[in-house]
Amino acid sequence: MRSPVPFLRHARSVALPLGGILLAALCSACGGKSEPQPSARAVVTRAATATQAQKHLHFVFDEQHGPTSTSGVHLVFAEGDIAVPDRIKADVSGTFQGIPLHSELIVAGGKYYLKDPFTGKWRPVSVSANPVAFFDPAKGVLAVIRQATQLELVGSEKVGGADAYHLKGKTTVGSITPLLGNPPGTRPVDVELWVDKGTGRLVRLRLTGEVESGDPADAVRTIEISRYGTVVPIAPPRTGS
């Protein structure tokens, strides 16, 4: 009987190259082509346009390690709804004349109304810092993202259950003035943006550091935006009742 060895040697010499080719093909099919990433500027430009087009949205503003205030209303937290161009209704926390405050705030027609937490009555108030001024297309959050520089796309994260681009960069204290009421200037401040990949809309903005003189260096202010298009009726309250 003829020895099977020569046949086996031949089989191995053919099988190994074919196996390598098949393995390479499978790896290529599994990995596929990586999705091209947009530039950071392209993401921000799209975010400004897509966000400006919205007329109704929900927001959460949160300030950590911020400055103390002894005059007017200083908000460290607010959650509520906005109707463009000039109506806001929110639950707020902060200080009023330096006293801790937990109440409701309504903004309508450029006027601010605060619900007295002791009497339950509404009263007009002066709010030095408006953390929800991004309904003005030329000011607020939109100005911050439009004027951001040194932008870098640093990755992707889930925000509100959706995939979002995460960007870092710099903005000036002057771009933040309509948002927080700080003195204008050109000093840079760290800014982070999260932009929904599907809709292109801004879903989170974070400012870190000293916005105005006296701010702690570790001050952090974050705005979350969601429920775009959800209409919530907002009307000025009857003061004194």
C-alpha atoms as a PDB file:
ATOM      1  CA  MET A   1       0.000   0.000   0.000  1.00  0.00           C
ATOM      2  CA  ARG A   2       1.270   3.489  -0.905  1.00  0.00           C
ATOM      3  CA  SER A   3       2.110   5.660   2.095  1.00  0.00           C
ATOM      4  CA  PRO A   4      -0.429   8.466   2.807  1.00  0.00           C
ATOM      5  CA  VAL A   5       2.268  10.792   4.045  1.00  0.00           C
ATOM      6  CA  PRO A   6       2.984  12.614   0.746  1.00  0.00           C
ATOM      7  CA  PHE A   7      -0.734  13.313   0.362  1.00  0.00           C
ATOM      8  CA  LEU A   8      -0.993  14.702   3.874  1.00  0.00           C
ATOM      9  CA  ARG A   9       2.039  16.917   3.377  1.00  0.00           C
ATOM     10  CA  HIS A  10       0.485  18.302   0.210  1.00  0.00           C
ATOM     11  CA  ALA A  11      -2.840  18.913   1.964  1.00  0.00           C
ATOM     12  CA  ARG A  12      -1.174  20.858   4.739  1.00  0.00           C
ATOM     13  CA  SER A  13       0.806  23.012   2.314  1.00  0.00           C
ATOM     14  CA  VAL A  14      -2.454  24.062   0.630  1.00  0.00           C
ATOM     15  CA  ALA A  15      -4.657  24.345   3.724  1.00  0.00           C
ATOM     16  CA  LEU A  16      -2.466  26.762   5.666  1.00  0.00           C
ATOM     17  CA  PRO A  17      -2.367  29.529   3.033  1.00  0.00           C
ATOM     18  CA  LEU A  18      -6.102  29.157   2.390  1.00  0.00           C
ATOM     19  CA  GLY A  19      -6.769  29.303   6.113  1.00  0.00           C
ATOM     20  CA  GLY A  20      -4.789  32.520   6.402  1.00  0.00           C
ATOM     21  CA  ILE A  21      -6.694  34.090   3.534  1.00  0.00           C
ATOM     22  CA  LEU A  22     -10.062  33.100   5.024  1.00  0.00           C
ATOM     23  CA  LEU A  23      -9.074  34.410   8.466  1.00  0.00           C
ATOM     24  CA  ALA A  24      -8.020  37.753   7.015  1.00  0.00           C
ATOM     25  CA  ALA A  25     -11.300  37.979   5.086  1.00  0.00           C
ATOM     26  CA  LEU A  26     -13.337  37.211   8.210  1.00  0.00           C
ATOM     27  CA  CYS A  27     -11.479  39.790  10.285  1.00  0.00           C
ATOM     28  CA  SER A  28     -12.069  42.396   7.612  1.00  0.00           C
ATOM     29  CA  ALA A  29     -15.789  41.566   7.488  1.00  0.00           C
ATOM     30  CA  CYS A  30     -16.127  41.697  11.278  1.00  0.00           C
ATOM     31  CA  GLY A  31     -14.329  44.989  11.716  1.00  0.00           C
ATOM     32  CA  GLY A  32     -15.780  46.748   8.709  1.00  0.00           C
ATOM     33  CA  LYS A  33     -14.862  50.312   7.876  1.00  0.00           C
ATOM     34  CA  SER A  34     -14.785  52.796  10.743  1.00  0.00           C
ATOM     35  CA  GLU A  35     -17.364  55.562  10.501  1.00  0.00           C
ATOM     36  CA  PRO A  36     -15.731  58.866   9.544  1.00  0.00           C
ATOM     37  CA  GLN A  37     -15.870  61.425  12.349  1.00  0.00           C
ATOM     38  CA  PRO A  38     -17.030  64.980  11.606  1.00  0.00           C
ATOM     39  CA  SER A  39     -14.820  67.888  12.573  1.00  0.00           C
ATOM     40  CA  ALA A  40     -15.445  69.553  15.924  1.00  0.00           C
ATOM     41  CA  ARG A  41     -16.360  72.816  14.193  1.00  0.00           C
ATOM     42  CA  ALA A  42     -18.857  71.040  11.937  1.00  0.00           C
ATOM     43  CA  VAL A  43     -20.563  69.491  14.983  1.00  0.00           C
ATOM     44  CA  VAL A  44     -20.813  72.854  16.749  1.00  0.00           C
ATOM     45  CA  THR A  45     -22.066  74.686  13.669  1.00  0.00           C
ATOM     46  CA  ARG A  46     -24.787  72.091  13.182  1.00  0.00           C
ATOM     47  CA  ALA A  47     -25.667  72.249  16.894  1.00  0.00           C
ATOM     48  CA  ALA A  48     -26.144  76.018  16.816  1.00  0.00           C
ATOM     49  CA  THR A  49     -28.443  75.807  13.792  1.00  0.00           C
ATOM     50  CA  ALA A  50     -30.449  72.813  15.027  1.00  0.00           C
ATOM     51  CA  THR A  51     -30.874  74.211  18.549  1.00  0.00           C
ATOM     52  CA  GLN A  52     -31.872  77.677  17.382  1.00  0.00           C
ATOM     53  CA  ALA A  53     -34.681  76.174  15.297  1.00  0.00           C
ATOM     54  CA  GLN A  54     -36.444  74.842  18.415  1.00  0.00           C
ATOM     55  CA  LYS A  55     -39.224  76.793  20.110  1.00  0.00           C
ATOM     56  CA  HIS A  56     -39.990  74.585  23.130  1.00  0.00           C
ATOM     57  CA  LEU A  57     -37.618  72.670  25.396  1.00  0.00           C
ATOM     58  CA  HIS A  58     -36.956  71.419  28.913  1.00  0.00           C
ATOM     59  CA  PHE A  59     -33.823  72.388  30.841  1.00  0.00           C
ATOM     60  CA  VAL A  60     -31.911  71.688  34.034  1.00  0.00           C
ATOM     61  CA  PHE A  61     -29.357  74.224  35.307  1.00  0.00           C
ATOM     62  CA  ASP A  62     -26.972  73.225  38.080  1.00  0.00           C
ATOM     63  CA  GLU A  63     -24.186  75.238  39.711  1.00  0.00           C
ATOM     64  CA  GLN A  64     -21.553  73.560  41.863  1.00  0.00           C
ATOM     65  CA  HIS A  65     -18.934  75.376  43.979  1.00  0.00           C
ATOM     66  CA  GLY A  66     -20.286  78.722  42.778  1.00  0.00           C
ATOM     67  CA  PRO A  67     -19.910  82.147  44.423  1.00  0.00           C
ATOM     68  CA  THR A  68     -22.022  83.384  47.322  1.00  0.00           C
ATOM     69  CA  SER A  69     -24.474  86.234  46.819  1.00  0.00           C
ATOM     70  CA  THR A  70     -26.142  88.608  49.296  1.00  0.00           C
ATOM     71  CA  SER A  71     -28.300  90.615  46.880  1.00  0.00           C
ATOM     72  CA  GLY A  72     -31.199  89.795  44.573  1.00  0.00           C
ATOM     73  CA  VAL A  73     -31.956  86.248  43.465  1.00  0.00           C
ATOM     74  CA  HIS A  74     -28.977  83.993  42.833  1.00  0.00           C
ATOM     75  CA  LEU A  75     -29.916  80.641  41.312  1.00  0.00           C
ATOM     76  CA  VAL A  76     -27.818  77.534  41.858  1.00  0.00           C
ATOM     77  CA  PHE A  77     -30.389  75.106  40.460  1.00  0.00           C
ATOM     78  CA  ALA A  78     -33.334  75.441  38.108  1.00  0.00           C
ATOM     79  CA  GLU A  79     -35.471  72.932  36.238  1.00  0.00           C
ATOM     80  CA  GLY A  80     -38.331  73.797  33.972  1.00  0.00           C
ATOM     81  CA  ASP A  81     -39.547  74.641  30.496  1.00  0.00           C
ATOM     82  CA  ILE A  82     -38.952  77.360  27.942  1.00  0.00           C
ATOM     83  CA  ALA A  83     -41.197  78.767  25.230  1.00  0.00           C
ATOM     84  CA  VAL A  84     -39.244  80.910  22.780  1.00  0.00           C
ATOM     85  CA  PRO A  85     -38.765  83.820  22.824  1.00  0.00           C
ATOM     86  CA  ASP A  86     -39.481  85.028  26.355  1.00  0.00           C
ATOM     87  CA  ARG A  87     -41.312  82.568  28.607  1.00  0.00           C
ATOM     88  CA  ILE A  88     -39.889  80.327  31.307  1.00  0.00           C
ATOM     89  CA  LYS A  89     -41.449  78.328  34.116  1.00  0.00           C
ATOM     90  CA  ALA A  90     -39.140  76.565  36.556  1.00  0.00           C
ATOM     91  CA  ASP A  91     -38.602  75.181  40.022  1.00  0.00           C
ATOM     92  CA  VAL A  92     -35.568  76.952  41.459  1.00  0.00           C
ATOM     93  CA  SER A  93     -33.134  76.800  44.354  1.00  0.00           C
ATOM     94  CA  GLY A  94     -30.597  79.378  45.415  1.00  0.00           C
ATOM     95  CA  THR A  95     -30.546  82.462  47.607  1.00  0.00           C
ATOM     96  CA  PHE A  96     -32.711  85.582  47.905  1.00  0.00           C
ATOM     97  CA  GLN A  97     -30.944  88.471  49.655  1.00  0.00           C
ATOM     98  CA  GLY A  98     -28.481  85.839  50.915  1.00  0.00           C
ATOM     99  CA  ILE A  99     -31.222  83.630  52.396  1.00  0.00           C
ATOM    100  CA  PRO A 100     -31.603  80.028  51.112  1.00  0.00           C
ATOM    101  CA  LEU A 101     -34.470  79.786  48.648  1.00  0.00           C
ATOM    102  CA  HIS A 102     -36.572  76.958  47.208  1.00  0.00           C
ATOM    103  CA  SER A 103     -39.439  78.215  45.076  1.00  0.00           C
ATOM    104  CA  GLU A 104     -40.922  78.667  41.589  1.00  0.00           C
ATOM    105  CA  LEU A 105     -39.910  81.200  38.974  1.00  0.00           C
ATOM    106  CA  ILE A 106     -41.869  82.449  35.964  1.00  0.00           C
ATOM    107  CA  VAL A 107     -40.438  84.682  33.270  1.00  0.00           C
ATOM    108  CA  ALA A 108     -42.926  86.235  30.859  1.00  0.00           C
ATOM    109  CA  GLY A 109     -42.594  89.283  28.638  1.00  0.00           C
ATOM    110  CA  GLY A 110     -39.208  90.165  30.116  1.00  0.00           C
ATOM    111  CA  LYS A 111     -40.515  90.239  33.694  1.00  0.00           C
ATOM    112  CA  TYR A 112     -39.526  87.884  36.497  1.00  0.00           C
ATOM    113  CA  TYR A 113     -41.951  86.543  39.086  1.00  0.00           C
ATOM    114  CA  LEU A 114     -41.023  84.548  42.173  1.00  0.00           C
ATOM    115  CA  LYS A 115     -43.408  82.604  44.369  1.00  0.00           C
ATOM    116  CA  ASP A 116     -42.870  83.587  47.998  1.00  0.00           C
ATOM    117  CA  PRO A 117     -42.083  80.288  49.767  1.00  0.00           C
ATOM    118  CA  PHE A 118     -43.630  81.590  53.015  1.00  0.00           C
ATOM    119  CA  THR A 119     -46.883  83.171  51.793  1.00  0.00           C
ATOM    120  CA  GLY A 120     -47.361  81.303  48.505  1.00  0.00           C
ATOM    121  CA  LYS A 121     -47.935  84.627  46.728  1.00  0.00           C
ATOM    122  CA  TRP A 122     -46.236  85.719  43.510  1.00  0.00           C
ATOM    123  CA  ARG A 123     -44.102  88.859  43.452  1.00  0.00           C
ATOM    124  CA  PRO A 124     -41.975  90.618  40.810  1.00  0.00           C
ATOM    125  CA  VAL A 125     -38.241  90.211  41.447  1.00  0.00           C
ATOM    126  CA  SER A 126     -34.893  91.234  40.012  1.00  0.00           C
ATOM    127  CA  VAL A 127     -32.761  88.338  38.823  1.00  0.00           C
ATOM    128  CA  SER A 128     -29.153  89.344  38.243  1.00  0.00           C
ATOM    129  CA  ALA A 129     -28.189  86.035  36.633  1.00  0.00           C
ATOM    130  CA  ASN A 130     -30.456  84.336  34.134  1.00  0.00           C
ATOM    131  CA  PRO A 131     -29.171  80.775  33.629  1.00  0.00           C
ATOM    132  CA  VAL A 132     -31.815  80.016  31.022  1.00  0.00           C
ATOM    133  CA  ALA A 133     -31.236  82.854  28.547  1.00  0.00           C
ATOM    134  CA  PHE A 134     -30.531  80.600  25.602  1.00  0.00           C
ATOM    135  CA  PHE A 135     -33.863  81.304  23.912  1.00  0.00           C
ATOM    136  CA  ASP A 136     -32.264  84.402  22.396  1.00  0.00           C
ATOM    137  CA  PRO A 137     -30.588  83.221  19.151  1.00  0.00           C
ATOM    138  CA  ALA A 138     -27.783  85.768  19.476  1.00  0.00           C
ATOM    139  CA  LYS A 139     -27.085  85.331  23.178  1.00  0.00           C
ATOM    140  CA  GLY A 140     -26.977  82.779  25.957  1.00  0.00           C
ATOM    141  CA  VAL A 141     -26.037  79.198  25.202  1.00  0.00           C
ATOM    142  CA  LEU A 142     -26.020  79.729  21.458  1.00  0.00           C
ATOM    143  CA  ALA A 143     -23.479  82.535  21.794  1.00  0.00           C
ATOM    144  CA  VAL A 144     -21.305  80.348  23.994  1.00  0.00           C
ATOM    145  CA  ILE A 145     -21.126  77.507  21.493  1.00  0.00           C
ATOM    146  CA  ARG A 146     -20.765  79.792  18.472  1.00  0.00           C
ATOM    147  CA  GLN A 147     -17.836  81.630  20.025  1.00  0.00           C
ATOM    148  CA  ALA A 148     -16.099  78.508  21.315  1.00  0.00           C
ATOM    149  CA  THR A 149     -12.510  78.077  20.137  1.00  0.00           C
ATOM    150  CA  GLN A 150      -9.774  75.435  20.379  1.00  0.00           C
ATOM    151  CA  LEU A 151     -12.509  72.854  19.901  1.00  0.00           C
ATOM    152  CA  GLU A 152     -11.640  69.184  20.131  1.00  0.00           C
ATOM    153  CA  LEU A 153     -13.878  66.156  19.632  1.00  0.00           C
ATOM    154  CA  VAL A 154     -12.884  63.975  22.593  1.00  0.00           C
ATOM    155  CA  GLY A 155     -15.319  61.077  22.259  1.00  0.00           C
ATOM    156  CA  SER A 156     -18.910  59.918  22.471  1.00  0.00           C
ATOM    157  CA  GLU A 157     -21.235  59.406  25.446  1.00  0.00           C
ATOM    158  CA  LYS A 158     -24.843  58.537  26.183  1.00  0.00           C
ATOM    159  CA  VAL A 159     -26.890  61.569  27.201  1.00  0.00           C
ATOM    160  CA  GLY A 160     -30.563  61.007  27.878  1.00  0.00           C
ATOM    161  CA  GLY A 161     -30.289  57.555  26.322  1.00  0.00           C
ATOM    162  CA  ALA A 162     -28.973  58.867  22.983  1.00  0.00           C
ATOM    163  CA  ASP A 163     -25.471  58.880  21.506  1.00  0.00           C
ATOM    164  CA  ALA A 164     -23.823  62.281  21.732  1.00  0.00           C
ATOM    165  CA  TYR A 165     -20.546  63.803  20.616  1.00  0.00           C
ATOM    166  CA  HIS A 166     -18.455  65.179  23.491  1.00  0.00           C
ATOM    167  CA  LEU A 167     -16.367  68.240  22.711  1.00  0.00           C
ATOM    168  CA  LYS A 168     -14.020  70.431  24.731  1.00  0.00           C
ATOM    169  CA  GLY A 169     -12.785  73.933  24.043  1.00  0.00           C
ATOM    170  CA  LYS A 170     -12.591  77.514  25.267  1.00  0.00           C
ATOM    171  CA  THR A 171     -14.998  80.426  25.283  1.00  0.00           C
ATOM    172  CA  THR A 172     -14.728  83.963  26.606  1.00  0.00           C
ATOM    173  CA  VAL A 173     -16.359  85.362  29.730  1.00  0.00           C
ATOM    174  CA  GLY A 174     -17.990  87.904  27.416  1.00  0.00           C
ATOM    175  CA  SER A 175     -19.934  85.191  25.598  1.00  0.00           C
ATOM    176  CA  ILE A 176     -21.302  84.026  28.955  1.00  0.00           C
ATOM    177  CA  THR A 177     -22.495  87.483  30.106  1.00  0.00           C
ATOM    178  CA  PRO A 178     -26.081  87.150  28.729  1.00  0.00           C
ATOM    179  CA  LEU A 179     -26.276  83.739  30.383  1.00  0.00           C
ATOM    180  CA  LEU A 180     -24.954  84.456  33.890  1.00  0.00           C
ATOM    181  CA  GLY A 181     -24.879  88.248  34.115  1.00  0.00           C
ATOM    182  CA  ASN A 182     -21.129  88.382  34.725  1.00  0.00           C
ATOM    183  CA  PRO A 183     -19.016  91.383  33.626  1.00  0.00           C
ATOM    184  CA  PRO A 184     -17.948  91.062  29.958  1.00  0.00           C
ATOM    185  CA  GLY A 185     -14.357  90.358  29.026  1.00  0.00           C
ATOM    186  CA  THR A 186     -12.031  88.309  26.866  1.00  0.00           C
ATOM    187  CA  ARG A 187     -10.585  85.961  29.492  1.00  0.00           C
ATOM    188  CA  PRO A 188     -10.973  82.325  28.372  1.00  0.00           C
ATOM    189  CA  VAL A 189     -13.104  79.788  30.234  1.00  0.00           C
ATOM    190  CA  ASP A 190     -13.205  76.018  29.754  1.00  0.00           C
ATOM    191  CA  VAL A 191     -16.338  74.815  27.997  1.00  0.00           C
ATOM    192  CA  GLU A 192     -17.634  71.325  27.223  1.00  0.00           C
ATOM    193  CA  LEU A 193     -20.445  70.470  24.810  1.00  0.00           C
ATOM    194  CA  TRP A 194     -22.484  67.347  24.200  1.00  0.00           C
ATOM    195  CA  VAL A 195     -24.355  67.214  20.875  1.00  0.00           C
ATOM    196  CA  ASP A 196     -26.907  64.567  19.906  1.00  0.00           C
ATOM    197  CA  LYS A 197     -25.534  62.613  16.959  1.00  0.00           C
ATOM    198  CA  GLY A 198     -28.942  61.990  15.420  1.00  0.00           C
ATOM    199  CA  THR A 199     -30.598  65.400  15.704  1.00  0.00           C
ATOM    200  CA  GLY A 200     -27.504  67.598  15.902  1.00  0.00           C
ATOM    201  CA  ARG A 201     -29.053  69.465  18.856  1.00  0.00           C
ATOM    202  CA  LEU A 202     -27.194  70.552  21.968  1.00  0.00           C
ATOM    203  CA  VAL A 203     -28.074  68.335  24.945  1.00  0.00           C
ATOM    204  CA  ARG A 204     -25.536  69.465  27.551  1.00  0.00           C
ATOM    205  CA  LEU A 205     -23.216  72.416  28.132  1.00  0.00           C
ATOM    206  CA  ARG A 206     -20.709  72.756  30.984  1.00  0.00           C
ATOM    207  CA  LEU A 207     -18.605  75.758  32.022  1.00  0.00           C
ATOM    208  CA  THR A 208     -15.710  75.194  34.414  1.00  0.00           C
ATOM    209  CA  GLY A 209     -13.649  77.745  36.285  1.00  0.00           C
ATOM    210  CA  GLU A 210     -13.735  81.414  37.175  1.00  0.00           C
ATOM    211  CA  VAL A 211     -16.377  83.279  35.196  1.00  0.00           C
ATOM    212  CA  GLU A 212     -16.090  86.516  37.175  1.00  0.00           C
ATOM    213  CA  SER A 213     -13.843  87.908  39.878  1.00  0.00           C
ATOM    214  CA  GLY A 214     -14.474  86.085  43.145  1.00  0.00           C
ATOM    215  CA  ASP A 215     -15.613  82.849  41.541  1.00  0.00           C
ATOM    216  CA  PRO A 216     -13.979  79.739  42.991  1.00  0.00           C
ATOM    217  CA  ALA A 217     -11.533  78.146  40.554  1.00  0.00           C
ATOM    218  CA  ASP A 218     -13.478  74.876  40.721  1.00  0.00           C
ATOM    219  CA  ALA A 219     -16.890  76.413  39.970  1.00  0.00           C
ATOM    220  CA  VAL A 220     -18.907  74.245  37.575  1.00  0.00           C
ATOM    221  CA  ARG A 221     -22.107  75.256  35.801  1.00  0.00           C
ATOM    222  CA  THR A 222     -24.012  72.685  33.757  1.00  0.00           C
ATOM    223  CA  ILE A 223     -27.096  73.022  31.565  1.00  0.00           C
ATOM    224  CA  GLU A 224     -28.956  69.921  30.351  1.00  0.00           C
ATOM    225  CA  ILE A 225     -31.471  70.327  27.518  1.00  0.00           C
ATOM    226  CA  SER A 226     -34.161  67.797  26.587  1.00  0.00           C
ATOM    227  CA  ARG A 227     -37.783  67.323  25.472  1.00  0.00           C
ATOM    228  CA  TYR A 228     -37.375  69.503  22.420  1.00  0.00           C
ATOM    229  CA  GLY A 229     -40.773  70.321  20.902  1.00  0.00           C
ATOM    230  CA  THR A 230     -42.804  69.557  24.047  1.00  0.00           C
ATOM    231  CA  VAL A 231     -45.242  72.442  24.545  1.00  0.00           C
ATOM    232  CA  VAL A 232     -45.841  73.582  28.134  1.00  0.00           C
ATOM    233  CA  PRO A 233     -48.252  76.552  28.565  1.00  0.00           C
ATOM    234  CA  ILE A 234     -46.580  79.427  30.433  1.00  0.00           C
ATOM    235  CA  ALA A 235     -48.461  82.539  31.529  1.00  0.00           C
ATOM    236  CA  PRO A 236     -47.550  85.362  33.904  1.00  0.00           C
ATOM    237  CA  PRO A 237     -48.989  84.824  37.384  1.00  0.00           C
ATOM    238  CA  ARG A 238     -51.313  87.142  39.234  1.00  0.00           C
ATOM    239  CA  THR A 239     -49.089  88.992  41.666  1.00  0.00           C
ATOM    240  CA  GLY A 240     -50.187  89.266  45.259  1.00  0.00           C
ATOM    241  CA  SER A 241     -52.306  86.122  44.993  1.00  0.00           C
END
